[in-house]
């Protein structure tokens, strides 16, 4: 059983550590996305290149690696799907290929949520879109949605899945420390601003 746990976690980690934002921007001839904006490899920073299609592709692929980890491992060992999802989330945050300096995990977080509780993923999406529309800050939208998700999971799903997302939400909040400081200072970049 210990071997299975490690295998699920490592599989998820390796899948999650694929840096799609960096790969796509380089393939498109836009250079290293880590050298613009926030220096992040995620979709929000890819959007700062001005290429909405690449940003959308990054969002989709970063989410899908979380969903794929949950579903593939869950197919063979249903109880280990959540662990593989956690591995994918950690892989995106700390990819071995980039010196353990990755993204902030929001898209992969959403992908794991889709794999485990798609109904709550819809709640995440509604909260994110509403906050983004109202305030135009991706970070604020992500933080709000990450706070809502564990509560929604506890009400609508199993406490174990809610517990996993309490941990993941706390990590998302910690990864957004600089964004929180900029939000408080009124200097956070808005969605779509080039950088």
N, C-alpha and C. Protein backbone atom coordinates (compact mmCIF):
# COMPACT_ATOMS: atom_id res chain seq x y z
N UNK A 1 0.83 -1.20 0.00
CA UNK A 1 0.00 0.00 0.00
C UNK A 1 0.87 1.26 0.00
N UNK A 2 1.97 1.23 0.75
CA UNK A 2 2.88 2.38 0.80
C UNK A 2 3.44 2.66 -0.59
N UNK A 3 3.79 1.59 -1.31
CA UNK A 3 4.31 1.73 -2.67
C UNK A 3 3.27 2.39 -3.57
N UNK A 4 2.02 2.00 -3.44
CA UNK A 4 0.94 2.59 -4.23
C UNK A 4 0.75 4.07 -3.93
N UNK A 5 0.85 4.43 -2.66
CA UNK A 5 0.73 5.83 -2.26
C UNK A 5 1.83 6.68 -2.89
N UNK A 6 3.05 6.16 -2.81
CA UNK A 6 4.20 6.89 -3.39
C UNK A 6 4.05 7.00 -4.89
N UNK A 7 3.65 5.91 -5.53
CA UNK A 7 3.49 5.90 -6.98
C UNK A 7 2.43 6.91 -7.43
N UNK A 8 1.31 6.96 -6.72
CA UNK A 8 0.24 7.91 -7.06
C UNK A 8 0.73 9.34 -6.91
N UNK A 9 1.43 9.61 -5.83
CA UNK A 9 1.94 10.96 -5.57
C UNK A 9 2.98 11.37 -6.61
N UNK A 10 3.90 10.47 -6.92
CA UNK A 10 4.96 10.77 -7.90
C UNK A 10 4.38 10.94 -9.30
N UNK A 11 3.44 10.07 -9.69
CA UNK A 11 2.80 10.21 -11.00
C UNK A 11 2.12 11.57 -11.11
N UNK A 12 1.35 11.93 -10.08
CA UNK A 12 0.69 13.23 -10.08
C UNK A 12 1.69 14.37 -10.14
N UNK A 13 2.75 14.26 -9.36
CA UNK A 13 3.77 15.31 -9.33
C UNK A 13 4.40 15.51 -10.71
N UNK A 14 4.79 14.43 -11.35
CA UNK A 14 5.45 14.54 -12.67
C UNK A 14 4.50 15.14 -13.71
N UNK A 15 3.24 14.75 -13.65
CA UNK A 15 2.25 15.30 -14.57
C UNK A 15 2.04 16.79 -14.29
N UNK A 16 1.93 17.12 -13.03
CA UNK A 16 1.70 18.51 -12.65
C UNK A 16 2.88 19.42 -12.90
N UNK A 17 4.07 18.86 -12.96
CA UNK A 17 5.27 19.68 -13.11
C UNK A 17 5.56 20.09 -14.56
N UNK A 18 4.73 19.64 -15.51
CA UNK A 18 4.92 20.06 -16.91
C UNK A 18 4.57 21.56 -17.00
N UNK A 19 5.54 22.42 -17.36
CA UNK A 19 5.31 23.88 -17.36
C UNK A 19 4.71 24.37 -18.68
N UNK A 20 3.42 24.15 -18.86
CA UNK A 20 2.78 24.46 -20.14
C UNK A 20 2.90 25.94 -20.53
N UNK A 21 2.77 26.85 -19.55
CA UNK A 21 2.87 28.27 -19.87
C UNK A 21 4.22 28.61 -20.49
N UNK A 22 5.27 28.08 -19.92
CA UNK A 22 6.62 28.32 -20.45
C UNK A 22 6.80 27.66 -21.81
N UNK A 23 6.36 26.43 -21.94
CA UNK A 23 6.51 25.70 -23.20
C UNK A 23 5.75 26.37 -24.34
N UNK A 24 4.52 26.79 -24.07
CA UNK A 24 3.69 27.41 -25.11
C UNK A 24 4.23 28.77 -25.56
N UNK A 25 4.66 29.59 -24.60
CA UNK A 25 5.16 30.91 -24.98
C UNK A 25 6.48 30.81 -25.74
N UNK A 26 7.31 29.86 -25.36
CA UNK A 26 8.56 29.65 -26.10
C UNK A 26 8.27 29.14 -27.51
N UNK A 27 7.34 28.19 -27.61
CA UNK A 27 7.00 27.64 -28.92
C UNK A 27 6.42 28.70 -29.84
N UNK A 28 5.75 29.69 -29.25
CA UNK A 28 5.14 30.77 -30.04
C UNK A 28 6.14 31.89 -30.36
N UNK A 29 7.37 31.73 -29.89
CA UNK A 29 8.40 32.74 -30.16
C UNK A 29 8.30 33.96 -29.28
N UNK A 30 7.65 33.82 -28.12
CA UNK A 30 7.47 34.96 -27.22
C UNK A 30 8.49 34.99 -26.09
N UNK A 31 9.46 34.08 -26.14
CA UNK A 31 10.51 34.06 -25.14
C UNK A 31 10.09 33.41 -23.84
N UNK A 32 10.77 33.80 -22.77
CA UNK A 32 10.57 33.21 -21.45
C UNK A 32 9.54 34.02 -20.67
N UNK A 33 8.38 33.43 -20.43
CA UNK A 33 7.29 34.12 -19.73
C UNK A 33 7.68 34.51 -18.31
N UNK A 34 8.72 33.87 -17.78
CA UNK A 34 9.17 34.20 -16.42
C UNK A 34 9.87 35.56 -16.36
N UNK A 35 10.15 36.14 -17.51
CA UNK A 35 10.85 37.43 -17.55
C UNK A 35 9.91 38.62 -17.73
N UNK A 36 8.60 38.37 -17.68
CA UNK A 36 7.63 39.46 -17.77
C UNK A 36 6.67 39.41 -16.59
N UNK A 37 5.97 40.51 -16.37
CA UNK A 37 4.92 40.56 -15.34
C UNK A 37 5.36 40.05 -13.99
N UNK A 38 4.63 39.06 -13.49
CA UNK A 38 4.90 38.50 -12.16
C UNK A 38 6.04 37.48 -12.17
N UNK A 39 6.50 37.11 -13.37
CA UNK A 39 7.53 36.08 -13.47
C UNK A 39 6.98 34.69 -13.31
N UNK A 40 5.65 34.58 -13.33
CA UNK A 40 4.96 33.32 -13.11
C UNK A 40 4.80 32.55 -14.43
N UNK A 41 4.60 31.24 -14.34
CA UNK A 41 4.42 30.43 -15.55
C UNK A 41 2.94 30.15 -15.85
N UNK A 42 2.04 30.75 -15.07
CA UNK A 42 0.62 30.46 -15.21
C UNK A 42 -0.09 31.30 -16.25
N UNK A 43 -1.38 31.02 -16.44
CA UNK A 43 -2.18 31.64 -17.50
C UNK A 43 -2.30 33.16 -17.36
N UNK A 44 -2.43 33.65 -16.12
CA UNK A 44 -2.56 35.10 -15.93
C UNK A 44 -1.34 35.83 -16.45
N UNK A 45 -0.16 35.28 -16.18
CA UNK A 45 1.07 35.93 -16.66
C UNK A 45 1.25 35.74 -18.16
N UNK A 46 0.83 34.59 -18.68
CA UNK A 46 0.88 34.38 -20.14
C UNK A 46 0.00 35.41 -20.84
N UNK A 47 -1.13 35.75 -20.21
CA UNK A 47 -2.01 36.77 -20.78
C UNK A 47 -1.30 38.11 -20.93
N UNK A 48 -0.31 38.37 -20.09
CA UNK A 48 0.44 39.63 -20.17
C UNK A 48 1.31 39.72 -21.41
N UNK A 49 1.46 38.62 -22.14
CA UNK A 49 2.16 38.67 -23.43
C UNK A 49 1.26 39.30 -24.49
N UNK A 50 -0.03 39.41 -24.18
CA UNK A 50 -0.99 39.94 -25.14
C UNK A 50 -1.64 38.87 -25.99
N UNK A 51 -1.26 37.62 -25.78
CA UNK A 51 -1.79 36.52 -26.58
C UNK A 51 -2.86 35.77 -25.77
N UNK A 52 -4.12 36.10 -26.02
CA UNK A 52 -5.23 35.51 -25.27
C UNK A 52 -5.37 34.01 -25.55
N UNK A 53 -5.08 33.61 -26.79
CA UNK A 53 -5.18 32.20 -27.14
C UNK A 53 -4.19 31.34 -26.36
N UNK A 54 -2.96 31.84 -26.23
CA UNK A 54 -1.95 31.10 -25.44
C UNK A 54 -2.32 31.06 -23.97
N UNK A 55 -2.88 32.16 -23.48
CA UNK A 55 -3.30 32.20 -22.07
C UNK A 55 -4.41 31.18 -21.82
N UNK A 56 -5.36 31.12 -22.75
CA UNK A 56 -6.47 30.16 -22.62
C UNK A 56 -5.95 28.72 -22.69
N UNK A 57 -5.02 28.48 -23.61
CA UNK A 57 -4.44 27.13 -23.74
C UNK A 57 -3.67 26.75 -22.48
N UNK A 58 -2.95 27.71 -21.91
CA UNK A 58 -2.21 27.45 -20.66
C UNK A 58 -3.17 27.11 -19.54
N UNK A 59 -4.24 27.88 -19.41
CA UNK A 59 -5.25 27.63 -18.38
C UNK A 59 -5.83 26.23 -18.54
N UNK A 60 -6.20 25.88 -19.76
CA UNK A 60 -6.80 24.58 -20.02
C UNK A 60 -5.84 23.44 -19.70
N UNK A 61 -4.61 23.54 -20.20
CA UNK A 61 -3.64 22.46 -20.00
C UNK A 61 -3.21 22.34 -18.54
N UNK A 62 -3.04 23.47 -17.85
CA UNK A 62 -2.69 23.42 -16.43
C UNK A 62 -3.82 22.81 -15.60
N UNK A 63 -5.05 23.07 -15.99
CA UNK A 63 -6.19 22.44 -15.30
C UNK A 63 -6.26 20.95 -15.62
N UNK A 64 -6.10 20.62 -16.90
CA UNK A 64 -6.23 19.23 -17.32
C UNK A 64 -5.20 18.31 -16.67
N UNK A 65 -4.02 18.83 -16.36
CA UNK A 65 -3.03 17.93 -15.73
C UNK A 65 -3.49 17.54 -14.32
N UNK A 66 -4.22 18.42 -13.65
CA UNK A 66 -4.80 18.07 -12.36
C UNK A 66 -5.92 17.06 -12.49
N UNK A 67 -6.80 17.31 -13.47
CA UNK A 67 -7.91 16.38 -13.71
C UNK A 67 -7.40 15.02 -14.15
N UNK A 68 -6.43 15.02 -15.06
CA UNK A 68 -5.88 13.75 -15.57
C UNK A 68 -5.25 12.93 -14.45
N UNK A 69 -4.51 13.58 -13.56
CA UNK A 69 -3.88 12.86 -12.45
C UNK A 69 -4.93 12.16 -11.60
N UNK A 70 -6.01 12.87 -11.28
CA UNK A 70 -7.09 12.30 -10.46
C UNK A 70 -7.76 11.13 -11.18
N UNK A 71 -8.11 11.33 -12.44
CA UNK A 71 -8.89 10.32 -13.17
C UNK A 71 -8.06 9.09 -13.54
N UNK A 72 -6.81 9.30 -13.95
CA UNK A 72 -5.98 8.16 -14.35
C UNK A 72 -5.68 7.28 -13.15
N UNK A 73 -5.20 7.88 -12.07
CA UNK A 73 -4.89 7.08 -10.88
C UNK A 73 -6.18 6.55 -10.27
N UNK A 74 -7.23 7.37 -10.27
CA UNK A 74 -8.51 6.93 -9.71
C UNK A 74 -9.11 5.75 -10.46
N UNK A 75 -8.79 5.61 -11.74
CA UNK A 75 -9.28 4.48 -12.53
C UNK A 75 -8.71 3.16 -12.00
N UNK A 76 -7.46 3.20 -11.58
CA UNK A 76 -6.80 1.97 -11.10
C UNK A 76 -6.94 1.80 -9.59
N UNK A 77 -6.99 2.93 -8.87
CA UNK A 77 -7.11 2.88 -7.41
C UNK A 77 -7.94 4.07 -6.95
N UNK A 78 -9.26 3.92 -6.90
CA UNK A 78 -10.16 5.05 -6.61
C UNK A 78 -9.79 5.86 -5.37
N UNK A 79 -9.30 5.20 -4.33
CA UNK A 79 -8.96 5.91 -3.10
C UNK A 79 -7.73 6.80 -3.24
N UNK A 80 -6.92 6.56 -4.29
CA UNK A 80 -5.67 7.30 -4.44
C UNK A 80 -5.78 8.47 -5.42
N UNK A 81 -6.95 8.64 -6.04
CA UNK A 81 -7.14 9.77 -6.95
C UNK A 81 -6.84 11.11 -6.30
N UNK A 82 -7.38 11.36 -5.10
CA UNK A 82 -7.09 12.65 -4.44
C UNK A 82 -5.60 12.87 -4.18
N UNK A 83 -4.89 11.81 -3.83
CA UNK A 83 -3.45 11.94 -3.58
C UNK A 83 -2.70 12.30 -4.85
N UNK A 84 -3.10 11.69 -5.97
CA UNK A 84 -2.49 12.03 -7.25
C UNK A 84 -2.78 13.48 -7.62
N UNK A 85 -4.00 13.93 -7.32
CA UNK A 85 -4.35 15.33 -7.56
C UNK A 85 -3.49 16.27 -6.74
N UNK A 86 -3.27 15.92 -5.48
CA UNK A 86 -2.39 16.73 -4.63
C UNK A 86 -0.98 16.75 -5.20
N UNK A 87 -0.54 15.60 -5.70
CA UNK A 87 0.79 15.53 -6.33
C UNK A 87 0.89 16.45 -7.53
N UNK A 88 -0.15 16.48 -8.36
CA UNK A 88 -0.16 17.36 -9.54
C UNK A 88 -0.11 18.83 -9.12
N UNK A 89 -0.85 19.17 -8.10
CA UNK A 89 -0.88 20.53 -7.57
C UNK A 89 0.51 20.94 -7.09
N UNK A 90 1.14 20.07 -6.31
CA UNK A 90 2.49 20.34 -5.81
C UNK A 90 3.50 20.41 -6.96
N UNK A 91 3.31 19.54 -7.96
CA UNK A 91 4.19 19.55 -9.12
C UNK A 91 4.14 20.87 -9.87
N UNK A 92 2.95 21.45 -9.98
CA UNK A 92 2.83 22.74 -10.66
C UNK A 92 3.50 23.84 -9.85
N UNK A 93 3.38 23.78 -8.54
CA UNK A 93 3.98 24.80 -7.68
C UNK A 93 5.50 24.69 -7.63
N UNK A 94 5.98 23.45 -7.62
CA UNK A 94 7.42 23.22 -7.44
C UNK A 94 7.94 22.21 -8.48
N UNK A 95 7.96 22.60 -9.77
CA UNK A 95 8.39 21.66 -10.81
C UNK A 95 9.90 21.41 -10.78
N UNK A 96 10.28 20.16 -10.80
CA UNK A 96 11.70 19.79 -10.74
C UNK A 96 12.46 20.36 -11.92
N UNK A 97 11.79 20.52 -13.08
CA UNK A 97 12.45 20.98 -14.31
C UNK A 97 12.83 22.46 -14.25
N UNK A 98 12.21 23.22 -13.36
CA UNK A 98 12.43 24.66 -13.29
C UNK A 98 13.03 25.08 -11.95
N UNK A 99 13.81 24.19 -11.36
CA UNK A 99 14.43 24.51 -10.08
C UNK A 99 13.42 24.69 -8.97
N UNK A 100 12.29 23.99 -9.08
CA UNK A 100 11.21 24.02 -8.07
C UNK A 100 10.54 25.39 -7.96
N UNK A 101 10.62 26.19 -9.04
CA UNK A 101 9.96 27.50 -9.07
C UNK A 101 8.88 27.48 -10.14
N UNK A 102 7.65 27.26 -9.71
CA UNK A 102 6.55 27.12 -10.65
C UNK A 102 5.51 28.21 -10.53
N UNK A 103 4.26 27.82 -10.79
CA UNK A 103 3.16 28.77 -10.75
C UNK A 103 2.51 28.82 -9.38
N UNK A 104 1.35 29.44 -9.33
CA UNK A 104 0.63 29.60 -8.06
C UNK A 104 -0.45 28.55 -7.88
N UNK A 105 -0.66 27.72 -8.88
CA UNK A 105 -1.47 26.52 -8.70
C UNK A 105 -2.96 26.63 -8.90
N UNK A 106 -3.47 27.81 -9.27
CA UNK A 106 -4.91 27.98 -9.30
C UNK A 106 -5.58 27.10 -10.37
N UNK A 107 -5.03 27.09 -11.58
CA UNK A 107 -5.63 26.28 -12.65
C UNK A 107 -5.55 24.79 -12.32
N UNK A 108 -4.42 24.35 -11.78
CA UNK A 108 -4.28 22.94 -11.43
C UNK A 108 -5.18 22.58 -10.26
N UNK A 109 -5.31 23.48 -9.32
CA UNK A 109 -6.27 23.35 -8.21
C UNK A 109 -7.67 23.10 -8.78
N UNK A 110 -8.05 23.93 -9.75
CA UNK A 110 -9.37 23.78 -10.37
C UNK A 110 -9.49 22.44 -11.08
N UNK A 111 -8.42 22.03 -11.76
CA UNK A 111 -8.44 20.75 -12.46
C UNK A 111 -8.62 19.57 -11.51
N UNK A 112 -7.94 19.61 -10.38
CA UNK A 112 -8.11 18.56 -9.37
C UNK A 112 -9.55 18.57 -8.87
N UNK A 113 -10.08 19.74 -8.66
CA UNK A 113 -11.47 19.88 -8.19
C UNK A 113 -12.45 19.31 -9.21
N UNK A 114 -12.20 19.55 -10.50
CA UNK A 114 -13.05 18.98 -11.56
C UNK A 114 -13.05 17.46 -11.47
N UNK A 115 -11.87 16.88 -11.24
CA UNK A 115 -11.75 15.43 -11.16
C UNK A 115 -12.43 14.82 -9.95
N UNK A 116 -12.49 15.58 -8.85
CA UNK A 116 -13.02 15.04 -7.60
C UNK A 116 -14.46 15.45 -7.29
N UNK A 117 -14.82 16.67 -7.69
CA UNK A 117 -16.17 17.19 -7.37
C UNK A 117 -16.53 18.27 -8.38
N UNK A 118 -16.96 17.86 -9.56
CA UNK A 118 -17.17 18.83 -10.64
C UNK A 118 -18.24 19.87 -10.31
N UNK A 119 -19.19 19.49 -9.45
CA UNK A 119 -20.23 20.45 -9.08
C UNK A 119 -19.63 21.64 -8.33
N UNK A 120 -18.67 21.35 -7.46
CA UNK A 120 -18.01 22.41 -6.70
C UNK A 120 -17.06 23.20 -7.61
N UNK A 121 -16.53 22.54 -8.64
CA UNK A 121 -15.71 23.26 -9.62
C UNK A 121 -16.54 24.33 -10.32
N UNK A 122 -17.82 24.05 -10.54
CA UNK A 122 -18.71 25.06 -11.13
C UNK A 122 -18.88 26.25 -10.17
N UNK A 123 -18.98 25.96 -8.88
CA UNK A 123 -19.08 27.03 -7.89
C UNK A 123 -17.81 27.87 -7.91
N UNK A 124 -16.65 27.20 -7.97
CA UNK A 124 -15.37 27.91 -8.08
C UNK A 124 -15.40 28.85 -9.27
N UNK A 125 -15.82 28.32 -10.42
CA UNK A 125 -15.82 29.12 -11.66
C UNK A 125 -16.74 30.33 -11.55
N UNK A 126 -17.93 30.13 -10.97
CA UNK A 126 -18.88 31.24 -10.83
C UNK A 126 -18.31 32.33 -9.91
N UNK A 127 -17.74 31.91 -8.78
CA UNK A 127 -17.15 32.87 -7.84
C UNK A 127 -15.99 33.61 -8.50
N UNK A 128 -15.11 32.85 -9.18
CA UNK A 128 -13.95 33.48 -9.84
C UNK A 128 -14.41 34.49 -10.88
N UNK A 129 -15.34 34.09 -11.74
CA UNK A 129 -15.80 34.98 -12.81
C UNK A 129 -16.48 36.23 -12.25
N UNK A 130 -17.28 36.05 -11.21
CA UNK A 130 -17.97 37.19 -10.61
C UNK A 130 -16.98 38.19 -10.02
N UNK A 131 -16.00 37.68 -9.28
CA UNK A 131 -15.01 38.56 -8.66
C UNK A 131 -14.11 39.22 -9.72
N UNK A 132 -13.77 38.46 -10.75
CA UNK A 132 -12.93 39.02 -11.83
C UNK A 132 -13.69 40.10 -12.59
N UNK A 133 -14.97 39.87 -12.83
CA UNK A 133 -15.80 40.85 -13.54
C UNK A 133 -15.96 42.13 -12.71
N UNK A 134 -16.18 41.95 -11.42
CA UNK A 134 -16.43 43.11 -10.55
C UNK A 134 -15.18 43.93 -10.27
N UNK A 135 -14.04 43.23 -10.05
CA UNK A 135 -12.86 43.94 -9.57
C UNK A 135 -11.65 43.91 -10.52
N UNK A 136 -11.66 42.99 -11.50
CA UNK A 136 -10.60 42.89 -12.51
C UNK A 136 -9.25 42.45 -11.96
N UNK A 137 -9.26 41.78 -10.82
CA UNK A 137 -8.02 41.25 -10.24
C UNK A 137 -8.10 39.72 -10.24
N UNK A 138 -7.22 39.08 -10.99
CA UNK A 138 -7.20 37.62 -11.03
C UNK A 138 -6.88 37.04 -9.65
N UNK A 139 -5.93 37.66 -8.96
CA UNK A 139 -5.52 37.15 -7.65
C UNK A 139 -6.67 37.20 -6.64
N UNK A 140 -7.40 38.29 -6.62
CA UNK A 140 -8.53 38.42 -5.70
C UNK A 140 -9.62 37.39 -6.02
N UNK A 141 -9.86 37.19 -7.31
CA UNK A 141 -10.85 36.20 -7.73
C UNK A 141 -10.43 34.80 -7.28
N UNK A 142 -9.15 34.47 -7.48
CA UNK A 142 -8.65 33.15 -7.10
C UNK A 142 -8.70 32.95 -5.59
N UNK A 143 -8.30 33.95 -4.84
CA UNK A 143 -8.30 33.84 -3.39
C UNK A 143 -9.71 33.66 -2.84
N UNK A 144 -10.65 34.42 -3.37
CA UNK A 144 -12.04 34.30 -2.92
C UNK A 144 -12.60 32.91 -3.23
N UNK A 145 -12.36 32.43 -4.45
CA UNK A 145 -12.84 31.11 -4.83
C UNK A 145 -12.20 30.01 -3.98
N UNK A 146 -10.92 30.17 -3.68
CA UNK A 146 -10.21 29.17 -2.86
C UNK A 146 -10.73 29.12 -1.43
N UNK A 147 -11.27 30.23 -0.94
CA UNK A 147 -11.87 30.25 0.40
C UNK A 147 -13.26 29.59 0.37
N UNK A 148 -13.99 29.80 -0.71
CA UNK A 148 -15.35 29.26 -0.83
C UNK A 148 -15.35 27.74 -1.02
N UNK A 149 -14.36 27.22 -1.77
CA UNK A 149 -14.36 25.80 -2.16
C UNK A 149 -14.42 24.83 -0.98
N UNK A 150 -13.53 24.93 0.02
CA UNK A 150 -13.62 23.95 1.12
C UNK A 150 -14.96 23.97 1.85
N UNK A 151 -15.54 25.16 1.97
CA UNK A 151 -16.85 25.28 2.63
C UNK A 151 -17.91 24.56 1.80
N UNK A 152 -17.89 24.82 0.48
CA UNK A 152 -18.85 24.16 -0.41
C UNK A 152 -18.67 22.65 -0.41
N UNK A 153 -17.42 22.20 -0.39
CA UNK A 153 -17.15 20.75 -0.36
C UNK A 153 -17.66 20.12 0.93
N UNK A 154 -17.48 20.82 2.02
CA UNK A 154 -17.94 20.28 3.31
C UNK A 154 -19.46 20.13 3.32
N UNK A 155 -20.13 21.10 2.73
CA UNK A 155 -21.59 21.07 2.69
C UNK A 155 -22.11 20.04 1.70
N UNK A 156 -21.46 19.95 0.53
CA UNK A 156 -22.00 19.14 -0.56
C UNK A 156 -21.30 17.80 -0.78
N UNK A 157 -20.12 17.62 -0.21
CA UNK A 157 -19.34 16.42 -0.53
C UNK A 157 -18.86 15.75 0.75
N UNK A 158 -17.78 14.98 0.64
CA UNK A 158 -17.26 14.27 1.79
C UNK A 158 -16.28 15.15 2.56
N UNK A 159 -16.24 15.02 3.87
CA UNK A 159 -15.30 15.79 4.68
C UNK A 159 -13.84 15.56 4.30
N UNK A 160 -13.52 14.34 3.81
CA UNK A 160 -12.13 14.05 3.43
C UNK A 160 -11.68 14.92 2.27
N UNK A 161 -12.54 15.06 1.27
CA UNK A 161 -12.21 15.91 0.12
C UNK A 161 -12.13 17.37 0.56
N UNK A 162 -13.03 17.77 1.45
CA UNK A 162 -13.00 19.14 1.99
C UNK A 162 -11.68 19.38 2.72
N UNK A 163 -11.23 18.40 3.48
CA UNK A 163 -9.96 18.51 4.21
C UNK A 163 -8.78 18.69 3.27
N UNK A 164 -8.77 17.94 2.17
CA UNK A 164 -7.71 18.08 1.17
C UNK A 164 -7.68 19.51 0.63
N UNK A 165 -8.85 20.05 0.35
CA UNK A 165 -8.91 21.39 -0.24
C UNK A 165 -8.69 22.50 0.78
N UNK A 166 -8.87 22.23 2.06
CA UNK A 166 -8.44 23.19 3.08
C UNK A 166 -6.93 23.38 2.97
N UNK A 167 -6.21 22.27 2.87
CA UNK A 167 -4.75 22.32 2.73
C UNK A 167 -4.35 23.03 1.44
N UNK A 168 -4.97 22.64 0.32
CA UNK A 168 -4.63 23.23 -0.97
C UNK A 168 -4.98 24.72 -1.01
N UNK A 169 -6.10 25.10 -0.42
CA UNK A 169 -6.49 26.51 -0.38
C UNK A 169 -5.50 27.34 0.44
N UNK A 170 -5.05 26.79 1.56
CA UNK A 170 -4.06 27.49 2.37
C UNK A 170 -2.77 27.71 1.58
N UNK A 171 -2.38 26.70 0.80
CA UNK A 171 -1.18 26.83 -0.03
C UNK A 171 -1.38 27.90 -1.09
N UNK A 172 -2.56 27.91 -1.73
CA UNK A 172 -2.86 28.96 -2.73
C UNK A 172 -2.75 30.34 -2.09
N UNK A 173 -3.30 30.50 -0.90
CA UNK A 173 -3.22 31.79 -0.20
C UNK A 173 -1.77 32.17 0.09
N UNK A 174 -0.99 31.21 0.58
CA UNK A 174 0.43 31.48 0.86
C UNK A 174 1.19 31.86 -0.40
N UNK A 175 0.88 31.20 -1.51
CA UNK A 175 1.55 31.51 -2.78
C UNK A 175 1.17 32.89 -3.31
N UNK A 176 0.08 33.44 -2.80
CA UNK A 176 -0.39 34.77 -3.23
C UNK A 176 -0.04 35.86 -2.23
N UNK A 177 0.92 35.61 -1.35
CA UNK A 177 1.28 36.61 -0.34
C UNK A 177 1.64 37.96 -0.96
N UNK A 178 2.47 37.93 -2.01
CA UNK A 178 2.88 39.18 -2.65
C UNK A 178 1.68 39.88 -3.30
N UNK A 179 0.78 39.08 -3.88
CA UNK A 179 -0.43 39.66 -4.49
C UNK A 179 -1.30 40.33 -3.43
N UNK A 180 -1.42 39.68 -2.28
CA UNK A 180 -2.22 40.25 -1.19
C UNK A 180 -1.64 41.59 -0.76
N UNK A 181 -0.31 41.65 -0.64
CA UNK A 181 0.34 42.92 -0.28
C UNK A 181 0.06 44.00 -1.31
N UNK A 182 0.13 43.62 -2.61
CA UNK A 182 -0.13 44.60 -3.66
C UNK A 182 -1.60 45.02 -3.70
N UNK A 183 -2.50 44.07 -3.43
CA UNK A 183 -3.92 44.41 -3.37
C UNK A 183 -4.18 45.44 -2.27
N UNK A 184 -3.58 45.22 -1.13
CA UNK A 184 -3.75 46.13 0.01
C UNK A 184 -3.14 47.51 -0.28
N UNK A 185 -2.05 47.49 -1.07
CA UNK A 185 -1.37 48.75 -1.41
C UNK A 185 -1.97 49.43 -2.62
N UNK A 186 -2.89 48.74 -3.33
CA UNK A 186 -3.51 49.30 -4.53
C UNK A 186 -2.62 49.28 -5.75
N UNK A 187 -1.62 48.38 -5.75
CA UNK A 187 -0.66 48.32 -6.86
C UNK A 187 -0.75 47.03 -7.67
N UNK A 188 -1.71 46.17 -7.36
CA UNK A 188 -1.85 44.90 -8.07
C UNK A 188 -2.28 45.14 -9.52
N UNK A 189 -1.65 44.41 -10.45
CA UNK A 189 -2.01 44.55 -11.87
C UNK A 189 -3.38 43.94 -12.15
N UNK A 190 -4.10 44.59 -13.01
CA UNK A 190 -5.44 44.10 -13.36
C UNK A 190 -5.39 43.12 -14.52
N UNK A 191 -6.43 42.32 -14.66
CA UNK A 191 -6.53 41.32 -15.72
C UNK A 191 -6.38 41.99 -17.09
N UNK A 192 -5.50 41.42 -17.92
CA UNK A 192 -5.33 41.92 -19.27
C UNK A 192 -4.25 42.97 -19.41
N UNK A 193 -3.73 43.47 -18.28
CA UNK A 193 -2.66 44.48 -18.37
C UNK A 193 -1.38 43.82 -18.84
N UNK A 194 -0.74 44.40 -19.85
CA UNK A 194 0.52 43.84 -20.35
C UNK A 194 1.63 44.16 -19.38
N UNK A 195 2.63 43.25 -19.35
CA UNK A 195 3.67 43.51 -18.39
C UNK A 195 5.00 43.07 -18.82
